[in-house]
PDB file of N, CA and C in Angstrom:
ATOM      1  N   MET A   1      38.605   9.976  14.215  1.00  0.00           N
ATOM      2  CA  MET A   1      39.760   9.159  13.888  1.00  0.00           C
ATOM      3  C   MET A   1      39.849   8.016  14.885  1.00  0.00           C
ATOM      4  N   PRO A   2      39.986   6.776  14.408  1.00  0.00           N
ATOM      5  CA  PRO A   2      40.047   5.647  15.332  1.00  0.00           C
ATOM      6  C   PRO A   2      41.351   5.626  16.113  1.00  0.00           C
ATOM      7  N   GLU A   3      41.269   5.084  17.303  1.00  0.00           N
ATOM      8  CA  GLU A   3      42.478   4.885  18.100  1.00  0.00           C
ATOM      9  C   GLU A   3      42.878   3.432  17.943  1.00  0.00           C
ATOM     10  N   PHE A   4      44.028   3.195  17.361  1.00  0.00           N
ATOM     11  CA  PHE A   4      44.470   1.844  17.103  1.00  0.00           C
ATOM     12  C   PHE A   4      45.082   1.249  18.362  1.00  0.00           C
ATOM     13  N   SER A   5      44.684   0.037  18.647  1.00  0.00           N
ATOM     14  CA  SER A   5      45.185  -0.654  19.823  1.00  0.00           C
ATOM     15  C   SER A   5      46.346  -1.554  19.435  1.00  0.00           C
ATOM     16  N   HIS A   6      47.475  -1.326  20.043  1.00  0.00           N
ATOM     17  CA  HIS A   6      48.651  -2.153  19.826  1.00  0.00           C
ATOM     18  C   HIS A   6      49.608  -1.939  20.987  1.00  0.00           C
ATOM     19  N   PRO A   7      50.688  -2.703  21.063  1.00  0.00           N
ATOM     20  CA  PRO A   7      51.559  -2.626  22.241  1.00  0.00           C
ATOM     21  C   PRO A   7      52.132  -1.240  22.526  1.00  0.00           C
ATOM     22  N   PHE A   8      52.205  -0.373  21.530  1.00  0.00           N
ATOM     23  CA  PHE A   8      52.857   0.911  21.741  1.00  0.00           C
ATOM     24  C   PHE A   8      51.914   2.111  21.737  1.00  0.00           C
ATOM     25  N   MET A   9      50.678   1.915  21.296  1.00  0.00           N
ATOM     26  CA  MET A   9      49.690   2.998  21.236  1.00  0.00           C
ATOM     27  C   MET A   9      50.277   4.263  20.608  1.00  0.00           C
ATOM     28  N   GLY A  10      51.033   4.098  19.529  1.00  0.00           N
ATOM     29  CA  GLY A  10      51.550   5.230  18.777  1.00  0.00           C
ATOM     30  C   GLY A  10      52.909   5.734  19.220  1.00  0.00           C
ATOM     31  N   ASN A  11      53.422   5.241  20.333  1.00  0.00           N
ATOM     32  CA  ASN A  11      54.716   5.689  20.844  1.00  0.00           C
ATOM     33  C   ASN A  11      55.606   4.493  21.143  1.00  0.00           C
ATOM     34  N   ALA A  12      56.906   4.723  21.106  1.00  0.00           N
ATOM     35  CA  ALA A  12      57.839   3.666  21.491  1.00  0.00           C
ATOM     36  C   ALA A  12      57.634   3.350  22.968  1.00  0.00           C
ATOM     37  N   TYR A  13      57.659   2.083  23.278  1.00  0.00           N
ATOM     38  CA  TYR A  13      57.473   1.641  24.657  1.00  0.00           C
ATOM     39  C   TYR A  13      58.687   2.023  25.472  1.00  0.00           C
ATOM     40  N   GLU A  14      58.493   2.319  26.755  1.00  0.00           N
ATOM     41  CA  GLU A  14      59.607   2.766  27.598  1.00  0.00           C
ATOM     42  C   GLU A  14      60.583   1.645  27.922  1.00  0.00           C
ATOM     43  N   ARG A  15      60.210   0.415  27.610  1.00  0.00           N
ATOM     44  CA  ARG A  15      61.111  -0.719  27.820  1.00  0.00           C
ATOM     45  C   ARG A  15      60.930  -1.694  26.668  1.00  0.00           C
ATOM     46  N   LYS A  16      61.854  -2.607  26.533  1.00  0.00           N
ATOM     47  CA  LYS A  16      61.750  -3.629  25.504  1.00  0.00           C
ATOM     48  C   LYS A  16      60.709  -4.659  25.932  1.00  0.00           C
ATOM     49  N   LEU A  17      59.992  -5.200  24.954  1.00  0.00           N
ATOM     50  CA  LEU A  17      59.012  -6.234  25.241  1.00  0.00           C
ATOM     51  C   LEU A  17      59.707  -7.528  25.643  1.00  0.00           C
ATOM     52  N   THR A  18      59.082  -8.262  26.537  1.00  0.00           N
ATOM     53  CA  THR A  18      59.573  -9.600  26.832  1.00  0.00           C
ATOM     54  C   THR A  18      59.233 -10.504  25.658  1.00  0.00           C
ATOM     55  N   GLU A  19      59.819 -11.681  25.635  1.00  0.00           N
ATOM     56  CA  GLU A  19      59.527 -12.634  24.559  1.00  0.00           C
ATOM     57  C   GLU A  19      58.035 -12.974  24.544  1.00  0.00           C
ATOM     58  N   GLN A  20      57.432 -13.193  25.716  1.00  0.00           N
ATOM     59  CA  GLN A  20      56.010 -13.523  25.783  1.00  0.00           C
ATOM     60  C   GLN A  20      55.146 -12.343  25.325  1.00  0.00           C
ATOM     61  N   GLU A  21      55.520 -11.123  25.668  1.00  0.00           N
ATOM     62  CA  GLU A  21      54.779  -9.949  25.198  1.00  0.00           C
ATOM     63  C   GLU A  21      54.867  -9.828  23.677  1.00  0.00           C
ATOM     64  N   LEU A  22      56.030 -10.148  23.124  1.00  0.00           N
ATOM     65  CA  LEU A  22      56.188 -10.101  21.677  1.00  0.00           C
ATOM     66  C   LEU A  22      55.298 -11.149  21.008  1.00  0.00           C
ATOM     67  N   VAL A  23      55.247 -12.346  21.572  1.00  0.00           N
ATOM     68  CA  VAL A  23      54.376 -13.391  21.029  1.00  0.00           C
ATOM     69  C   VAL A  23      52.927 -12.909  21.037  1.00  0.00           C
ATOM     70  N   ARG A  24      52.505 -12.307  22.140  1.00  0.00           N
ATOM     71  CA  ARG A  24      51.131 -11.797  22.219  1.00  0.00           C
ATOM     72  C   ARG A  24      50.894 -10.689  21.201  1.00  0.00           C
ATOM     73  N   ALA A  25      51.891  -9.836  21.003  1.00  0.00           N
ATOM     74  CA  ALA A  25      51.763  -8.753  20.016  1.00  0.00           C
ATOM     75  C   ALA A  25      51.660  -9.321  18.600  1.00  0.00           C
ATOM     76  N   ILE A  26      52.395 -10.388  18.329  1.00  0.00           N
ATOM     77  CA  ILE A  26      52.332 -11.013  17.008  1.00  0.00           C
ATOM     78  C   ILE A  26      50.950 -11.639  16.794  1.00  0.00           C
ATOM     79  N   ARG A  27      50.414 -12.296  17.817  1.00  0.00           N
ATOM     80  CA  ARG A  27      49.054 -12.849  17.701  1.00  0.00           C
ATOM     81  C   ARG A  27      48.050 -11.738  17.426  1.00  0.00           C
ATOM     82  N   PHE A  28      48.194 -10.629  18.117  1.00  0.00           N
ATOM     83  CA  PHE A  28      47.308  -9.480  17.910  1.00  0.00           C
ATOM     84  C   PHE A  28      47.455  -8.959  16.477  1.00  0.00           C
ATOM     85  N   SER A  29      48.683  -8.930  15.982  1.00  0.00           N
ATOM     86  CA  SER A  29      48.929  -8.462  14.619  1.00  0.00           C
ATOM     87  C   SER A  29      48.268  -9.374  13.592  1.00  0.00           C
ATOM     88  N   ILE A  30      48.297 -10.682  13.831  1.00  0.00           N
ATOM     89  CA  ILE A  30      47.635 -11.635  12.938  1.00  0.00           C
ATOM     90  C   ILE A  30      46.137 -11.350  12.911  1.00  0.00           C
ATOM     91  N   ALA A  31      45.551 -11.162  14.091  1.00  0.00           N
ATOM     92  CA  ALA A  31      44.114 -10.863  14.168  1.00  0.00           C
ATOM     93  C   ALA A  31      43.806  -9.560  13.431  1.00  0.00           C
ATOM     94  N   SER A  32      44.675  -8.587  13.554  1.00  0.00           N
ATOM     95  CA  SER A  32      44.464  -7.304  12.879  1.00  0.00           C
ATOM     96  C   SER A  32      44.511  -7.447  11.366  1.00  0.00           C
ATOM     97  N   GLU A  33      45.402  -8.302  10.876  1.00  0.00           N
ATOM     98  CA  GLU A  33      45.473  -8.537   9.435  1.00  0.00           C
ATOM     99  C   GLU A  33      44.192  -9.191   8.939  1.00  0.00           C
ATOM    100  N   PHE A  34      43.673 -10.177   9.685  1.00  0.00           N
ATOM    101  CA  PHE A  34      42.414 -10.805   9.294  1.00  0.00           C
ATOM    102  C   PHE A  34      41.269  -9.796   9.307  1.00  0.00           C
ATOM    103  N   GLU A  35      41.277  -8.898  10.275  1.00  0.00           N
ATOM    104  CA  GLU A  35      40.247  -7.863  10.333  1.00  0.00           C
ATOM    105  C   GLU A  35      40.337  -6.953   9.103  1.00  0.00           C
ATOM    106  N   ALA A  36      41.559  -6.616   8.708  1.00  0.00           N
ATOM    107  CA  ALA A  36      41.738  -5.770   7.524  1.00  0.00           C
ATOM    108  C   ALA A  36      41.254  -6.494   6.265  1.00  0.00           C
ATOM    109  N   ILE A  37      41.563  -7.795   6.149  1.00  0.00           N
ATOM    110  CA  ILE A  37      41.099  -8.574   5.000  1.00  0.00           C
ATOM    111  C   ILE A  37      39.578  -8.522   4.926  1.00  0.00           C
ATOM    112  N   GLN A  38      38.924  -8.738   6.057  1.00  0.00           N
ATOM    113  CA  GLN A  38      37.464  -8.701   6.101  1.00  0.00           C
ATOM    114  C   GLN A  38      36.942  -7.341   5.624  1.00  0.00           C
ATOM    115  N   LEU A  39      37.549  -6.272   6.104  1.00  0.00           N
ATOM    116  CA  LEU A  39      37.116  -4.928   5.731  1.00  0.00           C
ATOM    117  C   LEU A  39      37.258  -4.702   4.230  1.00  0.00           C
ATOM    118  N   TYR A  40      38.431  -5.033   3.662  1.00  0.00           N
ATOM    119  CA  TYR A  40      38.673  -4.771   2.247  1.00  0.00           C
ATOM    120  C   TYR A  40      37.774  -5.623   1.361  1.00  0.00           C
ATOM    121  N   GLU A  41      37.551  -6.881   1.750  1.00  0.00           N
ATOM    122  CA  GLU A  41      36.671  -7.730   0.950  1.00  0.00           C
ATOM    123  C   GLU A  41      35.210  -7.290   1.066  1.00  0.00           C
ATOM    124  N   GLN A  42      34.828  -6.828   2.233  1.00  0.00           N
ATOM    125  CA  GLN A  42      33.465  -6.325   2.409  1.00  0.00           C
ATOM    126  C   GLN A  42      33.264  -5.050   1.596  1.00  0.00           C
ATOM    127  N   LEU A  43      34.243  -4.179   1.596  1.00  0.00           N
ATOM    128  CA  LEU A  43      34.165  -2.968   0.765  1.00  0.00           C
ATOM    129  C   LEU A  43      34.050  -3.345  -0.701  1.00  0.00           C
ATOM    130  N   ARG A  44      34.885  -4.273  -1.150  1.00  0.00           N
ATOM    131  CA  ARG A  44      34.860  -4.716  -2.546  1.00  0.00           C
ATOM    132  C   ARG A  44      33.469  -5.216  -2.936  1.00  0.00           C
ATOM    133  N   ASP A  45      32.860  -5.992  -2.048  1.00  0.00           N
ATOM    134  CA  ASP A  45      31.543  -6.556  -2.342  1.00  0.00           C
ATOM    135  C   ASP A  45      30.417  -5.532  -2.240  1.00  0.00           C
ATOM    136  N   SER A  46      30.733  -4.351  -1.717  1.00  0.00           N
ATOM    137  CA  SER A  46      29.697  -3.340  -1.463  1.00  0.00           C
ATOM    138  C   SER A  46      29.742  -2.173  -2.433  1.00  0.00           C
ATOM    139  N   ILE A  47      30.605  -2.251  -3.447  1.00  0.00           N
ATOM    140  CA  ILE A  47      30.739  -1.140  -4.388  1.00  0.00           C
ATOM    141  C   ILE A  47      30.603  -1.636  -5.822  1.00  0.00           C
ATOM    142  N   GLU A  48      30.421  -0.694  -6.727  1.00  0.00           N
ATOM    143  CA  GLU A  48      30.324  -1.028  -8.151  1.00  0.00           C
ATOM    144  C   GLU A  48      31.548  -0.576  -8.946  1.00  0.00           C
ATOM    145  N   ASN A  49      32.364   0.290  -8.392  1.00  0.00           N
ATOM    146  CA  ASN A  49      33.526   0.832  -9.090  1.00  0.00           C
ATOM    147  C   ASN A  49      34.559  -0.281  -9.305  1.00  0.00           C
ATOM    148  N   GLU A  50      34.737  -0.677 -10.574  1.00  0.00           N
ATOM    149  CA  GLU A  50      35.604  -1.812 -10.904  1.00  0.00           C
ATOM    150  C   GLU A  50      37.074  -1.537 -10.601  1.00  0.00           C
ATOM    151  N   GLU A  51      37.534  -0.311 -10.823  1.00  0.00           N
ATOM    152  CA  GLU A  51      38.924   0.025 -10.525  1.00  0.00           C
ATOM    153  C   GLU A  51      39.191  -0.093  -9.026  1.00  0.00           C
ATOM    154  N   ALA A  52      38.259   0.418  -8.233  1.00  0.00           N
ATOM    155  CA  ALA A  52      38.408   0.329  -6.777  1.00  0.00           C
ATOM    156  C   ALA A  52      38.371  -1.124  -6.325  1.00  0.00           C
ATOM    157  N   LYS A  53      37.509  -1.925  -6.940  1.00  0.00           N
ATOM    158  CA  LYS A  53      37.442  -3.345  -6.593  1.00  0.00           C
ATOM    159  C   LYS A  53      38.777  -4.035  -6.843  1.00  0.00           C
ATOM    160  N   LYS A  54      39.390  -3.741  -7.983  1.00  0.00           N
ATOM    161  CA  LYS A  54      40.682  -4.343  -8.319  1.00  0.00           C
ATOM    162  C   LYS A  54      41.730  -4.007  -7.266  1.00  0.00           C
ATOM    163  N   LEU A  55      41.765  -2.751  -6.856  1.00  0.00           N
ATOM    164  CA  LEU A  55      42.755  -2.342  -5.872  1.00  0.00           C
ATOM    165  C   LEU A  55      42.463  -2.969  -4.508  1.00  0.00           C
ATOM    166  N   LEU A  56      41.199  -3.041  -4.128  1.00  0.00           N
ATOM    167  CA  LEU A  56      40.849  -3.660  -2.852  1.00  0.00           C
ATOM    168  C   LEU A  56      41.209  -5.145  -2.833  1.00  0.00           C
ATOM    169  N   ILE A  57      41.042  -5.831  -3.969  1.00  0.00           N
ATOM    170  CA  ILE A  57      41.459  -7.229  -4.064  1.00  0.00           C
ATOM    171  C   ILE A  57      42.969  -7.345  -3.871  1.00  0.00           C
ATOM    172  N   GLU A  58      43.701  -6.448  -4.490  1.00  0.00           N
ATOM    173  CA  GLU A  58      45.170  -6.434  -4.356  1.00  0.00           C
ATOM    174  C   GLU A  58      45.578  -6.187  -2.905  1.00  0.00           C
ATOM    175  N   ILE A  59      44.957  -5.214  -2.279  1.00  0.00           N
ATOM    176  CA  ILE A  59      45.289  -4.876  -0.895  1.00  0.00           C
ATOM    177  C   ILE A  59      44.954  -6.038   0.037  1.00  0.00           C
ATOM    178  N   ALA A  60      43.793  -6.673  -0.158  1.00  0.00           N
ATOM    179  CA  ALA A  60      43.418  -7.829   0.670  1.00  0.00           C
ATOM    180  C   ALA A  60      44.443  -8.951   0.498  1.00  0.00           C
ATOM    181  N   GLY A  61      44.918  -9.142  -0.724  1.00  0.00           N
ATOM    182  CA  GLY A  61      45.954 -10.150  -0.971  1.00  0.00           C
ATOM    183  C   GLY A  61      47.236  -9.841  -0.223  1.00  0.00           C
ATOM    184  N   ASP A  62      47.612  -8.564  -0.200  1.00  0.00           N
ATOM    185  CA  ASP A  62      48.797  -8.147   0.560  1.00  0.00           C
ATOM    186  C   ASP A  62      48.629  -8.489   2.037  1.00  0.00           C
ATOM    187  N   GLU A  63      47.438  -8.244   2.565  1.00  0.00           N
ATOM    188  CA  GLU A  63      47.180  -8.528   3.980  1.00  0.00           C
ATOM    189  C   GLU A  63      47.284 -10.031   4.249  1.00  0.00           C
ATOM    190  N   LYS A  64      46.827 -10.841   3.306  1.00  0.00           N
ATOM    191  CA  LYS A  64      46.941 -12.295   3.467  1.00  0.00           C
ATOM    192  C   LYS A  64      48.408 -12.715   3.507  1.00  0.00           C
ATOM    193  N   GLU A  65      49.234 -12.068   2.705  1.00  0.00           N
ATOM    194  CA  GLU A  65      50.673 -12.344   2.772  1.00  0.00           C
ATOM    195  C   GLU A  65      51.236 -11.941   4.131  1.00  0.00           C
ATOM    196  N   HIS A  66      50.752 -10.839   4.665  1.00  0.00           N
ATOM    197  CA  HIS A  66      51.204 -10.392   5.985  1.00  0.00           C
ATOM    198  C   HIS A  66      50.853 -11.431   7.054  1.00  0.00           C
ATOM    199  N   VAL A  67      49.667 -12.054   6.920  1.00  0.00           N
ATOM    200  CA  VAL A  67      49.303 -13.124   7.853  1.00  0.00           C
ATOM    201  C   VAL A  67      50.371 -14.204   7.803  1.00  0.00           C
ATOM    202  N   GLY A  68      50.767 -14.592   6.599  1.00  0.00           N
ATOM    203  CA  GLY A  68      51.821 -15.600   6.454  1.00  0.00           C
ATOM    204  C   GLY A  68      53.132 -15.164   7.077  1.00  0.00           C
ATOM    205  N   ASN A  69      53.485 -13.892   6.900  1.00  0.00           N
ATOM    206  CA  ASN A  69      54.707 -13.366   7.519  1.00  0.00           C
ATOM    207  C   ASN A  69      54.646 -13.491   9.042  1.00  0.00           C
ATOM    208  N   PHE A  70      53.523 -13.066   9.596  1.00  0.00           N
ATOM    209  CA  PHE A  70      53.380 -13.111  11.057  1.00  0.00           C
ATOM    210  C   PHE A  70      53.317 -14.543  11.581  1.00  0.00           C
ATOM    211  N   LEU A  71      52.655 -15.442  10.831  1.00  0.00           N
ATOM    212  CA  LEU A  71      52.610 -16.840  11.265  1.00  0.00           C
ATOM    213  C   LEU A  71      54.013 -17.447  11.277  1.00  0.00           C
ATOM    214  N   ARG A  72      54.811 -17.077  10.287  1.00  0.00           N
ATOM    215  CA  ARG A  72      56.203 -17.572  10.256  1.00  0.00           C
ATOM    216  C   ARG A  72      56.975 -17.038  11.451  1.00  0.00           C
ATOM    217  N   LEU A  73      56.770 -15.777  11.772  1.00  0.00           N
ATOM    218  CA  LEU A  73      57.440 -15.193  12.930  1.00  0.00           C
ATOM    219  C   LEU A  73      56.961 -15.852  14.221  1.00  0.00           C
ATOM    220  N   LEU A  74      55.672 -16.123  14.303  1.00  0.00           N
ATOM    221  CA  LEU A  74      55.134 -16.799  15.480  1.00  0.00           C
ATOM    222  C   LEU A  74      55.745 -18.191  15.634  1.00  0.00           C
ATOM    223  N   LYS A  75      55.925 -18.890  14.525  1.00  0.00           N
ATOM    224  CA  LYS A  75      56.557 -20.216  14.576  1.00  0.00           C
ATOM    225  C   LYS A  75      57.979 -20.110  15.115  1.00  0.00           C
ATOM    226  N   LEU A  76      58.688 -19.068  14.743  1.00  0.00           N
ATOM    227  CA  LEU A  76      60.043 -18.852  15.241  1.00  0.00           C
ATOM    228  C   LEU A  76      60.040 -18.557  16.744  1.00  0.00           C
ATOM    229  N   LEU A  77      59.109 -17.713  17.176  1.00  0.00           N
ATOM    230  CA  LEU A  77      59.086 -17.256  18.571  1.00  0.00           C
ATOM    231  C   LEU A  77      58.424 -18.250  19.524  1.00  0.00           C
ATOM    232  N   ALA A  78      57.460 -19.017  19.017  1.00  0.00           N
ATOM    233  CA  ALA A  78      56.717 -19.964  19.866  1.00  0.00           C
ATOM    234  C   ALA A  78      56.514 -21.265  19.093  1.00  0.00           C
ATOM    235  N   PRO A  79      57.578 -22.004  18.836  1.00  0.00           N
ATOM    236  CA  PRO A  79      57.481 -23.192  17.985  1.00  0.00           C
ATOM    237  C   PRO A  79      56.532 -24.265  18.524  1.00  0.00           C
ATOM    238  N   ASP A  80      56.319 -24.303  19.819  1.00  0.00           N
ATOM    239  CA  ASP A  80      55.425 -25.300  20.406  1.00  0.00           C
ATOM    240  C   ASP A  80      53.970 -25.108  19.990  1.00  0.00           C
ATOM    241  N   GLU A  81      53.599 -23.893  19.603  1.00  0.00           N
ATOM    242  CA  GLU A  81      52.213 -23.625  19.206  1.00  0.00           C
ATOM    243  C   GLU A  81      51.818 -24.362  17.931  1.00  0.00           C
ATOM    244  N   GLU A  82      52.781 -24.658  17.093  1.00  0.00           N
ATOM    245  CA  GLU A  82      52.470 -25.327  15.827  1.00  0.00           C
ATOM    246  C   GLU A  82      51.763 -26.657  16.075  1.00  0.00           C
ATOM    247  N   ASN A  83      52.109 -27.344  17.166  1.00  0.00           N
ATOM    248  CA  ASN A  83      51.455 -28.618  17.490  1.00  0.00           C
ATOM    249  C   ASN A  83      49.958 -28.422  17.718  1.00  0.00           C
ATOM    250  N   TYR A  84      49.567 -27.318  18.372  1.00  0.00           N
ATOM    251  CA  TYR A  84      48.145 -27.045  18.585  1.00  0.00           C
ATOM    252  C   TYR A  84      47.426 -26.833  17.253  1.00  0.00           C
ATOM    253  N   TYR A  85      48.048 -26.107  16.353  1.00  0.00           N
ATOM    254  CA  TYR A  85      47.431 -25.836  15.061  1.00  0.00           C
ATOM    255  C   TYR A  85      47.295 -27.116  14.257  1.00  0.00           C
ATOM    256  N   LYS A  86      48.328 -27.960  14.304  1.00  0.00           N
ATOM    257  CA  LYS A  86      48.274 -29.230  13.585  1.00  0.00           C
ATOM    258  C   LYS A  86      47.188 -30.118  14.176  1.00  0.00           C
ATOM    259  N   ASP A  87      47.100 -30.176  15.506  1.00  0.00           N
ATOM    260  CA  ASP A  87      46.049 -30.977  16.145  1.00  0.00           C
ATOM    261  C   ASP A  87      44.661 -30.487  15.726  1.00  0.00           C
ATOM    262  N   GLY A  88      44.478 -29.170  15.686  1.00  0.00           N
ATOM    263  CA  GLY A  88      43.198 -28.607  15.259  1.00  0.00           C
ATOM    264  C   GLY A  88      42.903 -28.915  13.806  1.00  0.00           C
ATOM    265  N   TRP A  89      43.927 -28.845  12.967  1.00  0.00           N
ATOM    266  CA  TRP A  89      43.788 -29.160  11.546  1.00  0.00           C
ATOM    267  C   TRP A  89      43.326 -30.612  11.392  1.00  0.00           C
ATOM    268  N   ASP A  90      44.042 -31.516  12.081  1.00  0.00           N
ATOM    269  CA  ASP A  90      43.721 -32.941  11.993  1.00  0.00           C
ATOM    270  C   ASP A  90      42.312 -33.218  12.512  1.00  0.00           C
ATOM    271  N   GLU A  91      41.966 -32.594  13.620  1.00  0.00           N
ATOM    272  CA  GLU A  91      40.625 -32.775  14.184  1.00  0.00           C
ATOM    273  C   GLU A  91      39.557 -32.293  13.215  1.00  0.00           C
ATOM    274  N   GLY A  92      39.799 -31.151  12.595  1.00  0.00           N
ATOM    275  CA  GLY A  92      38.850 -30.626  11.614  1.00  0.00           C
ATOM    276  C   GLY A  92      38.667 -31.570  10.446  1.00  0.00           C
ATOM    277  N   GLU A  93      39.767 -32.128   9.950  1.00  0.00           N
ATOM    278  CA  GLU A  93      39.672 -33.078   8.846  1.00  0.00           C
ATOM    279  C   GLU A  93      38.889 -34.322   9.261  1.00  0.00           C
ATOM    280  N   GLU A  94      39.120 -34.777  10.485  1.00  0.00           N
ATOM    281  CA  GLU A  94      38.417 -35.953  10.975  1.00  0.00           C
ATOM    282  C   GLU A  94      36.916 -35.687  11.061  1.00  0.00           C
ATOM    283  N   VAL A  95      36.537 -34.552  11.620  1.00  0.00           N
ATOM    284  CA  VAL A  95      35.125 -34.192  11.755  1.00  0.00           C
ATOM    285  C   VAL A  95      34.461 -34.052  10.394  1.00  0.00           C
ATOM    286  N   MET A  96      35.177 -33.468   9.435  1.00  0.00           N
ATOM    287  CA  MET A  96      34.612 -33.251   8.102  1.00  0.00           C
ATOM    288  C   MET A  96      34.710 -34.491   7.212  1.00  0.00           C
ATOM    289  N   GLY A  97      35.405 -35.525   7.681  1.00  0.00           N
ATOM    290  CA  GLY A  97      35.546 -36.738   6.893  1.00  0.00           C
ATOM    291  C   GLY A  97      36.522 -36.601   5.750  1.00  0.00           C
ATOM    292  N   ILE A  98      37.517 -35.719   5.892  1.00  0.00           N
ATOM    293  CA  ILE A  98      38.528 -35.512   4.864  1.00  0.00           C
ATOM    294  C   ILE A  98      39.724 -36.395   5.192  1.00  0.00           C
ATOM    295  N   GLU A  99      40.209 -37.124   4.194  1.00  0.00           N
ATOM    296  CA  GLU A  99      41.370 -37.981   4.418  1.00  0.00           C
ATOM    297  C   GLU A  99      42.613 -37.134   4.622  1.00  0.00           C
ATOM    298  N   LYS A 100      43.463 -37.559   5.553  1.00  0.00           N
ATOM    299  CA  LYS A 100      44.727 -36.852   5.813  1.00  0.00           C
ATOM    300  C   LYS A 100      45.649 -36.986   4.621  1.00  0.00           C
ATOM    301  N   LYS A 101      46.333 -35.890   4.341  1.00  0.00           N
ATOM    302  CA  LYS A 101      47.269 -35.884   3.199  1.00  0.00           C
ATOM    303  C   LYS A 101      48.675 -36.064   3.694  1.00  0.00           C
TER     304      LYS A 101
END
């Protein structure tokens, strides 16, 4: 059985998280959702059972929604980070030669 890594390791923490610890936990949660998406999509691509594929697609979609939930929470908790993401987005468009919208 895998041991899941997260701020509480299966138990309530003996103290409340600081705001910065919560931000770090949310970032970790986003990474975990992306990892789950990768797993479910890889499983889907590795099997022939059509019913299982349908469910794995649904589950991966749910995880993508969770990414959006966590990103929204991150924006609330660390609004200054959005500027970094926008700068990276703009830089990527510039490198790829995509016109800004």
